[in-house]
Amino acid sequence: MQPGAARTAIAGLHGERLKVRLAARAVDGAANEALVGFLAAAFGVARRDVVILAGERARQKRVAIFGSPRDAAQLISRNQI
């Protein structure tokens, strides 16, 4: 995750992880909220189905997305994120 970017978007893969640029700043949880909202929209699920499992205060996070009909590889290959 890269907070404070010009716009919110997937920047591609960083190793085996998705790199997400967020327009929100990392202040008072704003970047985490923006990340959850962005991933929910991208994966076609409700916000409650996106959970930050680890790294809430770190740049690298582990996130669970429940009930998504899509996976990250499909979205990246089709440039849908």
N, C-alpha and C. Protein backbone atom coordinates (compact mmCIF):
# COMPACT_ATOMS: atom_id res chain seq x y z
N MET A 1 0.84 -1.17 0.00
CA MET A 1 0.00 0.00 0.00
C MET A 1 0.89 1.24 0.00
N GLN A 2 0.51 2.20 -0.79
CA GLN A 2 1.25 3.46 -0.87
C GLN A 2 0.27 4.61 -0.68
N PRO A 3 0.13 5.11 0.55
CA PRO A 3 -0.80 6.21 0.80
C PRO A 3 -0.27 7.53 0.28
N GLY A 4 -1.17 8.47 0.03
CA GLY A 4 -0.78 9.80 -0.41
C GLY A 4 -0.47 9.90 -1.89
N ALA A 5 -0.92 8.94 -2.69
CA ALA A 5 -0.67 8.97 -4.13
C ALA A 5 -1.62 9.97 -4.79
N ALA A 6 -1.36 10.28 -6.04
CA ALA A 6 -2.21 11.22 -6.77
C ALA A 6 -3.61 10.67 -6.98
N ARG A 7 -3.72 9.35 -7.20
CA ARG A 7 -5.03 8.73 -7.37
C ARG A 7 -4.99 7.30 -6.85
N THR A 8 -6.14 6.76 -6.56
CA THR A 8 -6.24 5.40 -6.06
C THR A 8 -6.27 4.44 -7.24
N ALA A 9 -5.35 3.46 -7.24
CA ALA A 9 -5.28 2.49 -8.33
C ALA A 9 -4.35 1.35 -7.94
N ILE A 10 -4.48 0.26 -8.67
CA ILE A 10 -3.53 -0.85 -8.53
C ILE A 10 -2.30 -0.48 -9.35
N ALA A 11 -1.13 -0.61 -8.74
CA ALA A 11 0.12 -0.28 -9.42
C ALA A 11 0.77 -1.52 -10.00
N GLY A 12 0.13 -2.68 -9.86
CA GLY A 12 0.68 -3.92 -10.39
C GLY A 12 1.09 -4.85 -9.27
N LEU A 13 1.96 -5.77 -9.61
CA LEU A 13 2.44 -6.72 -8.63
C LEU A 13 3.78 -6.27 -8.07
N HIS A 14 3.97 -6.54 -6.81
CA HIS A 14 5.24 -6.29 -6.13
C HIS A 14 5.61 -7.62 -5.50
N GLY A 15 6.41 -8.41 -6.22
CA GLY A 15 6.64 -9.79 -5.82
C GLY A 15 5.36 -10.56 -6.06
N GLU A 16 4.82 -11.18 -5.03
CA GLU A 16 3.56 -11.90 -5.15
C GLU A 16 2.39 -11.12 -4.56
N ARG A 17 2.61 -9.85 -4.25
CA ARG A 17 1.58 -9.02 -3.64
C ARG A 17 1.08 -7.98 -4.63
N LEU A 18 -0.16 -7.56 -4.42
CA LEU A 18 -0.69 -6.43 -5.18
C LEU A 18 -0.16 -5.14 -4.57
N LYS A 19 0.27 -4.23 -5.39
CA LYS A 19 0.65 -2.91 -4.89
C LYS A 19 -0.49 -1.96 -5.21
N VAL A 20 -1.01 -1.33 -4.16
CA VAL A 20 -2.14 -0.43 -4.30
C VAL A 20 -1.69 0.97 -3.91
N ARG A 21 -1.94 1.93 -4.80
CA ARG A 21 -1.69 3.33 -4.49
C ARG A 21 -3.01 3.95 -4.05
N LEU A 22 -2.97 4.66 -2.93
CA LEU A 22 -4.18 5.26 -2.38
C LEU A 22 -4.04 6.77 -2.31
N ALA A 23 -5.09 7.46 -2.71
CA ALA A 23 -5.09 8.92 -2.62
C ALA A 23 -5.19 9.38 -1.17
N ALA A 24 -5.76 8.56 -0.32
CA ALA A 24 -5.94 8.92 1.10
C ALA A 24 -4.59 8.89 1.83
N ARG A 25 -4.46 9.75 2.79
CA ARG A 25 -3.27 9.80 3.64
C ARG A 25 -3.41 8.79 4.77
N ALA A 26 -2.29 8.36 5.32
CA ALA A 26 -2.27 7.41 6.43
C ALA A 26 -2.43 8.16 7.76
N VAL A 27 -3.59 8.79 7.92
CA VAL A 27 -3.88 9.55 9.13
C VAL A 27 -5.22 9.07 9.68
N ASP A 28 -5.23 8.71 10.95
CA ASP A 28 -6.46 8.28 11.63
C ASP A 28 -7.20 7.17 10.90
N GLY A 29 -6.47 6.26 10.28
CA GLY A 29 -7.09 5.11 9.61
C GLY A 29 -7.72 5.41 8.27
N ALA A 30 -7.52 6.61 7.74
CA ALA A 30 -8.15 6.99 6.47
C ALA A 30 -7.66 6.11 5.32
N ALA A 31 -6.38 5.78 5.29
CA ALA A 31 -5.86 4.95 4.22
C ALA A 31 -6.41 3.53 4.30
N ASN A 32 -6.55 3.00 5.50
CA ASN A 32 -7.13 1.66 5.65
C ASN A 32 -8.58 1.64 5.18
N GLU A 33 -9.33 2.66 5.54
CA GLU A 33 -10.73 2.74 5.11
C GLU A 33 -10.82 2.85 3.59
N ALA A 34 -9.95 3.65 3.00
CA ALA A 34 -9.92 3.80 1.55
C ALA A 34 -9.55 2.48 0.88
N LEU A 35 -8.60 1.77 1.46
CA LEU A 35 -8.18 0.47 0.91
C LEU A 35 -9.34 -0.52 0.94
N VAL A 36 -10.03 -0.60 2.05
CA VAL A 36 -11.16 -1.53 2.17
C VAL A 36 -12.24 -1.18 1.14
N GLY A 37 -12.56 0.09 1.00
CA GLY A 37 -13.57 0.51 0.03
C GLY A 37 -13.16 0.22 -1.40
N PHE A 38 -11.91 0.50 -1.70
CA PHE A 38 -11.40 0.27 -3.06
C PHE A 38 -11.42 -1.22 -3.40
N LEU A 39 -10.92 -2.05 -2.50
CA LEU A 39 -10.89 -3.49 -2.76
C LEU A 39 -12.29 -4.08 -2.85
N ALA A 40 -13.20 -3.59 -2.02
CA ALA A 40 -14.58 -4.08 -2.08
C ALA A 40 -15.19 -3.79 -3.46
N ALA A 41 -14.99 -2.58 -3.95
CA ALA A 41 -15.52 -2.22 -5.27
C ALA A 41 -14.85 -3.03 -6.38
N ALA A 42 -13.55 -3.19 -6.30
CA ALA A 42 -12.80 -3.90 -7.34
C ALA A 42 -13.17 -5.37 -7.41
N PHE A 43 -13.42 -5.97 -6.25
CA PHE A 43 -13.71 -7.40 -6.20
C PHE A 43 -15.21 -7.70 -6.17
N GLY A 44 -16.04 -6.67 -6.22
CA GLY A 44 -17.47 -6.86 -6.31
C GLY A 44 -18.12 -7.42 -5.06
N VAL A 45 -17.65 -6.98 -3.90
CA VAL A 45 -18.22 -7.44 -2.62
C VAL A 45 -18.56 -6.24 -1.76
N ALA A 46 -19.28 -6.50 -0.67
CA ALA A 46 -19.59 -5.43 0.28
C ALA A 46 -18.36 -5.11 1.11
N ARG A 47 -18.31 -3.90 1.66
CA ARG A 47 -17.17 -3.49 2.50
C ARG A 47 -16.97 -4.44 3.68
N ARG A 48 -18.05 -4.97 4.21
CA ARG A 48 -17.94 -5.87 5.37
C ARG A 48 -17.24 -7.18 5.01
N ASP A 49 -17.12 -7.49 3.70
CA ASP A 49 -16.48 -8.72 3.26
C ASP A 49 -14.98 -8.55 3.02
N VAL A 50 -14.45 -7.37 3.26
CA VAL A 50 -13.01 -7.10 3.14
C VAL A 50 -12.48 -6.82 4.54
N VAL A 51 -11.53 -7.65 4.97
CA VAL A 51 -11.01 -7.56 6.33
C VAL A 51 -9.49 -7.47 6.29
N ILE A 52 -8.93 -6.49 6.99
CA ILE A 52 -7.48 -6.41 7.13
C ILE A 52 -7.10 -7.36 8.27
N LEU A 53 -6.39 -8.44 7.92
CA LEU A 53 -6.02 -9.45 8.89
C LEU A 53 -4.76 -9.09 9.65
N ALA A 54 -3.81 -8.47 8.97
CA ALA A 54 -2.53 -8.12 9.60
C ALA A 54 -1.96 -6.89 8.92
N GLY A 55 -1.21 -6.11 9.68
CA GLY A 55 -0.52 -4.95 9.13
C GLY A 55 -1.34 -3.69 9.12
N GLU A 56 -2.26 -3.56 10.04
CA GLU A 56 -3.12 -2.39 10.05
C GLU A 56 -2.35 -1.08 10.13
N ARG A 57 -1.18 -1.10 10.75
CA ARG A 57 -0.37 0.12 10.86
C ARG A 57 0.90 0.05 10.00
N ALA A 58 0.94 -0.90 9.06
CA ALA A 58 2.12 -1.10 8.22
C ALA A 58 1.75 -0.90 6.75
N ARG A 59 2.76 -0.73 5.91
CA ARG A 59 2.52 -0.61 4.47
C ARG A 59 2.12 -1.94 3.86
N GLN A 60 2.71 -3.02 4.35
CA GLN A 60 2.34 -4.34 3.86
C GLN A 60 1.23 -4.90 4.72
N LYS A 61 0.15 -5.29 4.09
CA LYS A 61 -1.01 -5.78 4.81
C LYS A 61 -1.40 -7.15 4.27
N ARG A 62 -2.06 -7.91 5.11
CA ARG A 62 -2.67 -9.15 4.67
C ARG A 62 -4.18 -8.92 4.77
N VAL A 63 -4.85 -9.10 3.64
CA VAL A 63 -6.27 -8.78 3.55
C VAL A 63 -7.03 -10.02 3.09
N ALA A 64 -8.19 -10.26 3.71
CA ALA A 64 -9.09 -11.33 3.28
C ALA A 64 -10.28 -10.71 2.58
N ILE A 65 -10.66 -11.30 1.45
CA ILE A 65 -11.83 -10.85 0.70
C ILE A 65 -12.74 -12.05 0.56
N PHE A 66 -13.90 -11.98 1.19
CA PHE A 66 -14.82 -13.11 1.23
C PHE A 66 -15.90 -12.99 0.15
N GLY A 67 -16.19 -14.10 -0.50
CA GLY A 67 -17.31 -14.18 -1.43
C GLY A 67 -17.11 -13.50 -2.76
N SER A 68 -15.90 -13.25 -3.17
CA SER A 68 -15.66 -12.56 -4.43
C SER A 68 -15.71 -13.54 -5.60
N PRO A 69 -16.41 -13.17 -6.66
CA PRO A 69 -16.40 -14.00 -7.86
C PRO A 69 -15.13 -13.79 -8.69
N ARG A 70 -14.31 -12.84 -8.31
CA ARG A 70 -13.10 -12.49 -9.06
C ARG A 70 -11.86 -12.82 -8.23
N ASP A 71 -10.74 -12.99 -8.91
CA ASP A 71 -9.48 -13.08 -8.19
C ASP A 71 -8.52 -12.03 -8.76
N ALA A 72 -7.48 -11.75 -8.03
CA ALA A 72 -6.57 -10.66 -8.38
C ALA A 72 -5.92 -10.87 -9.75
N ALA A 73 -5.53 -12.10 -10.04
CA ALA A 73 -4.86 -12.37 -11.32
C ALA A 73 -5.77 -12.03 -12.50
N GLN A 74 -7.05 -12.36 -12.40
CA GLN A 74 -7.99 -12.05 -13.48
C GLN A 74 -8.14 -10.54 -13.66
N LEU A 75 -8.23 -9.83 -12.56
CA LEU A 75 -8.41 -8.38 -12.65
C LEU A 75 -7.19 -7.68 -13.23
N ILE A 76 -6.00 -8.12 -12.83
CA ILE A 76 -4.78 -7.51 -13.34
C ILE A 76 -4.62 -7.81 -14.83
N SER A 77 -4.85 -9.07 -15.23
CA SER A 77 -4.65 -9.46 -16.62
C SER A 77 -5.63 -8.74 -17.56
N ARG A 78 -6.79 -8.39 -17.05
CA ARG A 78 -7.79 -7.70 -17.87
C ARG A 78 -7.76 -6.19 -17.66
N ASN A 79 -6.82 -5.71 -16.85
CA ASN A 79 -6.72 -4.27 -16.54
C ASN A 79 -8.02 -3.70 -16.02
N GLN A 80 -8.71 -4.47 -15.20
CA GLN A 80 -9.99 -4.01 -14.65
C GLN A 80 -9.83 -3.30 -13.33
N ILE A 81 -8.66 -3.33 -12.74
CA ILE A 81 -8.45 -2.60 -11.50
C ILE A 81 -7.68 -1.35 -11.85
